[in-house]
N, C-alpha and C. Protein backbone atom coordinates (compact mmCIF):
# COMPACT_ATOMS: atom_id res chain seq x y z
N MET A 1 5.64 21.44 0.93
CA MET A 1 4.83 20.91 -0.15
C MET A 1 5.17 19.43 -0.34
N MET A 2 4.14 18.59 -0.43
CA MET A 2 4.34 17.16 -0.59
C MET A 2 4.29 16.81 -2.08
N THR A 3 5.34 16.16 -2.57
CA THR A 3 5.38 15.81 -4.00
C THR A 3 4.98 14.36 -4.26
N ASP A 4 5.02 13.52 -3.24
CA ASP A 4 4.67 12.11 -3.41
C ASP A 4 3.75 11.66 -2.29
N PRO A 5 2.44 11.80 -2.46
CA PRO A 5 1.50 11.45 -1.39
C PRO A 5 1.48 9.96 -1.04
N VAL A 6 1.75 9.08 -1.99
CA VAL A 6 1.76 7.64 -1.69
C VAL A 6 2.95 7.32 -0.79
N ALA A 7 4.11 7.89 -1.06
CA ALA A 7 5.28 7.68 -0.21
C ALA A 7 5.01 8.21 1.20
N ASP A 8 4.31 9.33 1.30
CA ASP A 8 3.95 9.87 2.60
C ASP A 8 3.04 8.90 3.36
N MET A 9 2.07 8.32 2.65
CA MET A 9 1.16 7.36 3.27
C MET A 9 1.93 6.15 3.79
N LEU A 10 2.81 5.60 2.96
CA LEU A 10 3.58 4.42 3.35
C LEU A 10 4.48 4.73 4.54
N THR A 11 5.08 5.91 4.55
CA THR A 11 5.95 6.30 5.67
C THR A 11 5.15 6.44 6.95
N ARG A 12 3.95 7.01 6.87
CA ARG A 12 3.11 7.15 8.07
C ARG A 12 2.73 5.78 8.63
N ILE A 13 2.38 4.84 7.74
CA ILE A 13 2.01 3.50 8.19
C ILE A 13 3.22 2.80 8.81
N ARG A 14 4.38 2.90 8.16
CA ARG A 14 5.60 2.27 8.66
C ARG A 14 5.97 2.83 10.03
N ASN A 15 5.94 4.16 10.19
CA ASN A 15 6.30 4.78 11.46
C ASN A 15 5.31 4.44 12.58
N ALA A 16 4.01 4.41 12.26
CA ALA A 16 2.99 4.09 13.26
C ALA A 16 3.15 2.65 13.73
N GLY A 17 3.50 1.75 12.81
CA GLY A 17 3.72 0.35 13.19
C GLY A 17 4.91 0.20 14.11
N LYS A 18 5.99 0.89 13.80
CA LYS A 18 7.18 0.82 14.65
C LYS A 18 6.93 1.42 16.03
N ALA A 19 6.05 2.43 16.10
CA ALA A 19 5.75 3.08 17.37
C ALA A 19 4.68 2.33 18.16
N GLY A 20 4.03 1.32 17.54
CA GLY A 20 3.03 0.52 18.23
C GLY A 20 1.66 1.13 18.29
N HIS A 21 1.34 2.07 17.41
CA HIS A 21 0.02 2.70 17.40
C HIS A 21 -1.04 1.74 16.88
N LYS A 22 -2.29 1.94 17.34
CA LYS A 22 -3.39 1.09 16.88
C LYS A 22 -3.89 1.52 15.50
N TRP A 23 -3.80 2.80 15.20
CA TRP A 23 -4.22 3.30 13.91
C TRP A 23 -3.37 4.48 13.51
N VAL A 24 -3.50 4.87 12.24
CA VAL A 24 -2.79 6.03 11.73
C VAL A 24 -3.76 6.82 10.85
N ASP A 25 -3.73 8.14 10.98
CA ASP A 25 -4.57 9.01 10.17
C ASP A 25 -3.77 9.62 9.04
N ILE A 26 -4.35 9.59 7.83
CA ILE A 26 -3.68 10.04 6.62
C ILE A 26 -4.66 10.91 5.84
N PRO A 27 -4.20 12.01 5.24
CA PRO A 27 -5.11 12.77 4.37
C PRO A 27 -5.64 11.87 3.26
N VAL A 28 -6.94 11.92 3.01
CA VAL A 28 -7.58 10.96 2.12
C VAL A 28 -7.47 11.36 0.64
N SER A 29 -7.38 10.36 -0.22
CA SER A 29 -7.51 10.53 -1.67
C SER A 29 -8.01 9.20 -2.22
N LYS A 30 -8.47 9.21 -3.44
CA LYS A 30 -9.00 7.99 -4.05
C LYS A 30 -7.91 6.93 -4.18
N LEU A 31 -6.71 7.34 -4.57
CA LEU A 31 -5.59 6.41 -4.72
C LEU A 31 -5.21 5.78 -3.38
N LYS A 32 -5.17 6.58 -2.32
CA LYS A 32 -4.80 6.06 -1.00
C LYS A 32 -5.85 5.08 -0.48
N LYS A 33 -7.14 5.33 -0.78
CA LYS A 33 -8.18 4.39 -0.39
C LYS A 33 -7.99 3.04 -1.08
N GLU A 34 -7.60 3.07 -2.35
CA GLU A 34 -7.38 1.83 -3.09
C GLU A 34 -6.16 1.08 -2.54
N VAL A 35 -5.10 1.81 -2.18
CA VAL A 35 -3.92 1.17 -1.57
C VAL A 35 -4.31 0.52 -0.24
N ALA A 36 -5.09 1.24 0.57
CA ALA A 36 -5.55 0.69 1.86
C ALA A 36 -6.43 -0.54 1.64
N GLN A 37 -7.26 -0.53 0.60
CA GLN A 37 -8.11 -1.68 0.29
C GLN A 37 -7.26 -2.91 -0.05
N LEU A 38 -6.20 -2.71 -0.85
CA LEU A 38 -5.31 -3.83 -1.19
C LEU A 38 -4.58 -4.36 0.04
N LEU A 39 -4.16 -3.47 0.94
CA LEU A 39 -3.50 -3.90 2.17
C LEU A 39 -4.47 -4.71 3.04
N LYS A 40 -5.74 -4.30 3.07
CA LYS A 40 -6.75 -5.02 3.86
C LYS A 40 -7.03 -6.39 3.24
N GLU A 41 -7.19 -6.45 1.92
CA GLU A 41 -7.48 -7.71 1.23
C GLU A 41 -6.34 -8.72 1.40
N SER A 42 -5.11 -8.20 1.54
CA SER A 42 -3.94 -9.07 1.71
C SER A 42 -3.62 -9.31 3.18
N PHE A 43 -4.50 -8.88 4.09
CA PHE A 43 -4.39 -9.12 5.53
C PHE A 43 -3.17 -8.46 6.17
N PHE A 44 -2.73 -7.32 5.65
CA PHE A 44 -1.64 -6.59 6.28
C PHE A 44 -2.16 -5.55 7.27
N VAL A 45 -3.41 -5.11 7.12
CA VAL A 45 -4.05 -4.21 8.07
C VAL A 45 -5.44 -4.76 8.38
N TYR A 46 -6.00 -4.37 9.55
CA TYR A 46 -7.34 -4.83 9.92
C TYR A 46 -8.40 -4.20 9.04
N ASP A 47 -8.40 -2.88 9.00
CA ASP A 47 -9.48 -2.18 8.33
C ASP A 47 -9.05 -0.75 8.06
N PHE A 48 -9.89 -0.03 7.36
CA PHE A 48 -9.69 1.40 7.15
C PHE A 48 -11.05 2.07 7.05
N LYS A 49 -11.10 3.33 7.42
CA LYS A 49 -12.34 4.11 7.34
C LYS A 49 -12.00 5.50 6.83
N VAL A 50 -12.96 6.12 6.17
CA VAL A 50 -12.83 7.50 5.76
C VAL A 50 -13.66 8.33 6.73
N LEU A 51 -12.99 9.21 7.46
CA LEU A 51 -13.65 10.06 8.45
C LEU A 51 -13.79 11.47 7.92
N ASN A 52 -14.88 12.13 8.30
CA ASN A 52 -15.11 13.51 7.89
C ASN A 52 -14.55 14.43 8.97
N ASP A 53 -13.55 15.21 8.60
CA ASP A 53 -12.95 16.15 9.55
C ASP A 53 -13.44 17.57 9.31
N GLY A 54 -14.44 17.76 8.45
CA GLY A 54 -14.96 19.08 8.17
C GLY A 54 -14.25 19.78 7.03
N ARG A 55 -13.17 19.18 6.55
CA ARG A 55 -12.43 19.79 5.44
C ARG A 55 -12.36 18.82 4.28
N PHE A 56 -11.29 18.05 4.17
CA PHE A 56 -11.10 17.15 3.03
C PHE A 56 -11.36 15.70 3.37
N GLY A 57 -11.28 15.37 4.63
CA GLY A 57 -11.47 13.99 5.06
C GLY A 57 -10.15 13.37 5.49
N VAL A 58 -10.26 12.31 6.28
CA VAL A 58 -9.09 11.62 6.81
C VAL A 58 -9.29 10.13 6.59
N LEU A 59 -8.26 9.47 6.14
CA LEU A 59 -8.26 8.02 5.99
C LEU A 59 -7.62 7.44 7.24
N ARG A 60 -8.39 6.68 8.02
CA ARG A 60 -7.86 6.06 9.22
C ARG A 60 -7.61 4.59 8.92
N VAL A 61 -6.34 4.17 9.05
CA VAL A 61 -5.94 2.79 8.79
C VAL A 61 -5.64 2.12 10.13
N TYR A 62 -6.35 1.01 10.40
CA TYR A 62 -6.16 0.27 11.64
C TYR A 62 -5.08 -0.79 11.41
N LEU A 63 -4.01 -0.69 12.17
CA LEU A 63 -2.86 -1.57 11.98
C LEU A 63 -3.06 -2.92 12.65
N LYS A 64 -2.37 -3.91 12.13
CA LYS A 64 -2.49 -5.28 12.61
C LYS A 64 -1.17 -5.71 13.24
N TYR A 65 -1.26 -6.41 14.38
CA TYR A 65 -0.07 -6.88 15.09
C TYR A 65 -0.20 -8.37 15.35
N HIS A 66 0.94 -9.05 15.41
CA HIS A 66 0.99 -10.47 15.75
C HIS A 66 2.05 -10.65 16.83
N GLU A 67 1.62 -11.09 18.00
CA GLU A 67 2.51 -11.28 19.16
C GLU A 67 3.30 -10.01 19.47
N GLY A 68 2.64 -8.88 19.39
CA GLY A 68 3.26 -7.60 19.74
C GLY A 68 4.08 -6.95 18.65
N ASN A 69 4.30 -7.65 17.54
CA ASN A 69 5.07 -7.09 16.42
C ASN A 69 4.13 -6.74 15.28
N PRO A 70 4.44 -5.65 14.56
CA PRO A 70 3.57 -5.29 13.44
C PRO A 70 3.62 -6.35 12.34
N VAL A 71 2.47 -6.61 11.72
CA VAL A 71 2.40 -7.58 10.63
C VAL A 71 3.21 -7.08 9.44
N ILE A 72 3.17 -5.77 9.21
CA ILE A 72 3.95 -5.17 8.12
C ILE A 72 5.38 -5.00 8.61
N ARG A 73 6.27 -5.84 8.11
CA ARG A 73 7.67 -5.78 8.52
C ARG A 73 8.48 -4.88 7.60
N HIS A 74 8.06 -4.78 6.35
CA HIS A 74 8.78 -3.97 5.37
C HIS A 74 7.75 -3.32 4.45
N LEU A 75 7.87 -2.03 4.25
CA LEU A 75 6.96 -1.27 3.40
C LEU A 75 7.80 -0.28 2.62
N GLU A 76 7.86 -0.43 1.30
CA GLU A 76 8.80 0.34 0.49
C GLU A 76 8.13 0.88 -0.76
N ARG A 77 8.43 2.12 -1.09
CA ARG A 77 7.96 2.73 -2.34
C ARG A 77 8.95 2.32 -3.42
N VAL A 78 8.49 1.64 -4.47
CA VAL A 78 9.37 1.15 -5.52
C VAL A 78 9.53 2.19 -6.62
N SER A 79 8.43 2.62 -7.20
CA SER A 79 8.45 3.59 -8.28
C SER A 79 8.34 4.99 -7.69
N LYS A 80 9.34 5.79 -7.91
CA LYS A 80 9.37 7.14 -7.34
C LYS A 80 9.07 8.17 -8.43
N PRO A 81 8.71 9.39 -8.07
CA PRO A 81 8.42 10.39 -9.10
C PRO A 81 9.60 10.65 -10.04
N GLY A 82 10.81 10.51 -9.55
CA GLY A 82 11.99 10.74 -10.38
C GLY A 82 12.41 9.54 -11.20
N GLN A 83 11.95 8.36 -10.81
CA GLN A 83 12.33 7.14 -11.52
C GLN A 83 11.18 6.13 -11.42
N ARG A 84 10.39 6.07 -12.47
CA ARG A 84 9.25 5.15 -12.51
C ARG A 84 9.74 3.75 -12.87
N ARG A 85 9.12 2.72 -12.29
CA ARG A 85 9.49 1.33 -12.57
C ARG A 85 8.27 0.61 -13.14
N TYR A 86 8.37 0.21 -14.39
CA TYR A 86 7.30 -0.50 -15.06
C TYR A 86 7.71 -1.94 -15.33
N VAL A 87 6.74 -2.86 -15.27
CA VAL A 87 7.01 -4.27 -15.57
C VAL A 87 5.88 -4.82 -16.43
N GLU A 88 6.23 -5.81 -17.24
CA GLU A 88 5.22 -6.55 -17.99
C GLU A 88 4.66 -7.65 -17.10
N ALA A 89 3.56 -8.23 -17.51
CA ALA A 89 2.90 -9.26 -16.69
C ALA A 89 3.81 -10.43 -16.39
N GLN A 90 4.63 -10.84 -17.37
CA GLN A 90 5.50 -11.99 -17.17
C GLN A 90 6.71 -11.66 -16.30
N GLN A 91 7.00 -10.39 -16.10
CA GLN A 91 8.20 -9.98 -15.35
C GLN A 91 7.90 -9.49 -13.94
N ILE A 92 6.66 -9.62 -13.49
CA ILE A 92 6.31 -9.17 -12.14
C ILE A 92 7.02 -10.08 -11.13
N PRO A 93 7.88 -9.51 -10.28
CA PRO A 93 8.63 -10.35 -9.33
C PRO A 93 7.74 -10.88 -8.21
N ARG A 94 8.14 -12.00 -7.63
CA ARG A 94 7.46 -12.55 -6.46
C ARG A 94 8.18 -12.02 -5.22
N VAL A 95 7.42 -11.59 -4.24
CA VAL A 95 7.98 -11.03 -3.01
C VAL A 95 7.92 -12.09 -1.92
N ARG A 96 9.07 -12.42 -1.35
CA ARG A 96 9.15 -13.39 -0.25
C ARG A 96 8.44 -14.69 -0.62
N ASN A 97 8.69 -15.16 -1.84
CA ASN A 97 8.13 -16.42 -2.33
C ASN A 97 6.61 -16.44 -2.25
N GLY A 98 5.98 -15.30 -2.54
CA GLY A 98 4.52 -15.22 -2.57
C GLY A 98 3.89 -14.75 -1.27
N LEU A 99 4.67 -14.58 -0.20
CA LEU A 99 4.11 -14.12 1.07
C LEU A 99 3.96 -12.61 1.11
N GLY A 100 4.70 -11.90 0.28
CA GLY A 100 4.63 -10.46 0.23
C GLY A 100 3.64 -9.99 -0.82
N LEU A 101 3.65 -8.69 -1.05
CA LEU A 101 2.70 -8.07 -1.97
C LEU A 101 3.39 -6.95 -2.73
N ILE A 102 3.12 -6.89 -4.03
CA ILE A 102 3.52 -5.73 -4.83
C ILE A 102 2.24 -5.06 -5.28
N ILE A 103 2.13 -3.77 -5.07
CA ILE A 103 0.98 -2.99 -5.52
C ILE A 103 1.33 -2.40 -6.86
N LEU A 104 0.52 -2.74 -7.86
CA LEU A 104 0.76 -2.29 -9.24
C LEU A 104 -0.36 -1.35 -9.69
N SER A 105 0.02 -0.31 -10.40
CA SER A 105 -0.95 0.56 -11.05
C SER A 105 -1.03 0.12 -12.50
N THR A 106 -2.16 -0.47 -12.89
CA THR A 106 -2.31 -1.02 -14.23
C THR A 106 -3.38 -0.24 -14.99
N SER A 107 -3.58 -0.62 -16.24
CA SER A 107 -4.63 0.01 -17.04
C SER A 107 -6.02 -0.38 -16.53
N LYS A 108 -6.10 -1.42 -15.72
CA LYS A 108 -7.36 -1.87 -15.13
C LYS A 108 -7.51 -1.40 -13.69
N GLY A 109 -6.69 -0.48 -13.26
CA GLY A 109 -6.75 0.04 -11.90
C GLY A 109 -5.63 -0.53 -11.04
N LEU A 110 -5.68 -0.22 -9.73
CA LEU A 110 -4.69 -0.72 -8.80
C LEU A 110 -4.93 -2.20 -8.54
N MET A 111 -3.86 -3.00 -8.57
CA MET A 111 -3.98 -4.45 -8.38
C MET A 111 -2.81 -4.97 -7.56
N SER A 112 -3.02 -6.12 -6.96
CA SER A 112 -1.92 -6.84 -6.32
C SER A 112 -1.15 -7.58 -7.41
N ASP A 113 0.05 -8.04 -7.09
CA ASP A 113 0.85 -8.77 -8.07
C ASP A 113 0.16 -10.05 -8.51
N ARG A 114 -0.52 -10.73 -7.59
CA ARG A 114 -1.22 -11.97 -7.94
C ARG A 114 -2.33 -11.71 -8.95
N SER A 115 -3.13 -10.68 -8.69
CA SER A 115 -4.24 -10.35 -9.59
C SER A 115 -3.73 -9.93 -10.96
N ALA A 116 -2.65 -9.17 -10.99
CA ALA A 116 -2.10 -8.71 -12.27
C ALA A 116 -1.58 -9.89 -13.09
N ARG A 117 -0.93 -10.85 -12.44
CA ARG A 117 -0.46 -12.04 -13.16
C ARG A 117 -1.65 -12.83 -13.71
N ARG A 118 -2.70 -12.97 -12.88
CA ARG A 118 -3.88 -13.71 -13.29
C ARG A 118 -4.57 -13.04 -14.48
N GLU A 119 -4.66 -11.69 -14.44
CA GLU A 119 -5.30 -10.93 -15.52
C GLU A 119 -4.40 -10.79 -16.74
N GLY A 120 -3.09 -10.99 -16.55
CA GLY A 120 -2.14 -10.86 -17.66
C GLY A 120 -1.82 -9.42 -18.02
N VAL A 121 -1.81 -8.53 -17.02
CA VAL A 121 -1.49 -7.13 -17.27
C VAL A 121 -0.27 -6.71 -16.45
N GLY A 122 0.51 -5.82 -16.99
CA GLY A 122 1.65 -5.24 -16.29
C GLY A 122 1.30 -3.81 -15.91
N GLY A 123 2.29 -3.10 -15.38
CA GLY A 123 2.05 -1.72 -15.00
C GLY A 123 3.19 -1.17 -14.17
N GLU A 124 2.89 -0.10 -13.48
CA GLU A 124 3.88 0.57 -12.64
C GLU A 124 3.91 -0.09 -11.26
N MET A 125 5.08 -0.52 -10.83
CA MET A 125 5.24 -1.10 -9.50
C MET A 125 5.29 0.04 -8.49
N MET A 126 4.22 0.21 -7.72
CA MET A 126 4.14 1.34 -6.80
C MET A 126 4.80 1.06 -5.46
N ALA A 127 4.48 -0.10 -4.85
CA ALA A 127 4.99 -0.38 -3.51
C ALA A 127 5.18 -1.88 -3.32
N MET A 128 6.04 -2.20 -2.35
CA MET A 128 6.34 -3.58 -2.00
C MET A 128 6.14 -3.73 -0.49
N VAL A 129 5.41 -4.78 -0.09
CA VAL A 129 5.08 -4.99 1.31
C VAL A 129 5.36 -6.44 1.68
N TRP A 130 5.94 -6.61 2.88
CA TRP A 130 6.01 -7.95 3.47
C TRP A 130 6.11 -7.85 4.95
């Protein structure tokens, strides 16, 4: 039984990148589609598609590489089911001096750290990417 589907998604992406795969298939959910959209907007992945497998659907994430190395060098789940991490808008940390990304779950939906600072909202720090 899977208790943290977002952590599972991040682990699948991290493992596929290390193995050099072109894409990774993940069981689809609305939250995972939004995480994939943020990764695409921040240029960490090429694209993603929702495929119909006849049951629930599959989210296919196409990974991005630069000179043979995965663009995603670090992918970490920050807020875990046993210990949630919340921040206010003024306390959102910068990752790698702005080159990285923090995915936040806010009252206005899933946002990147830059968008949350611009909107002036805080929330749960879900994941950190660089």
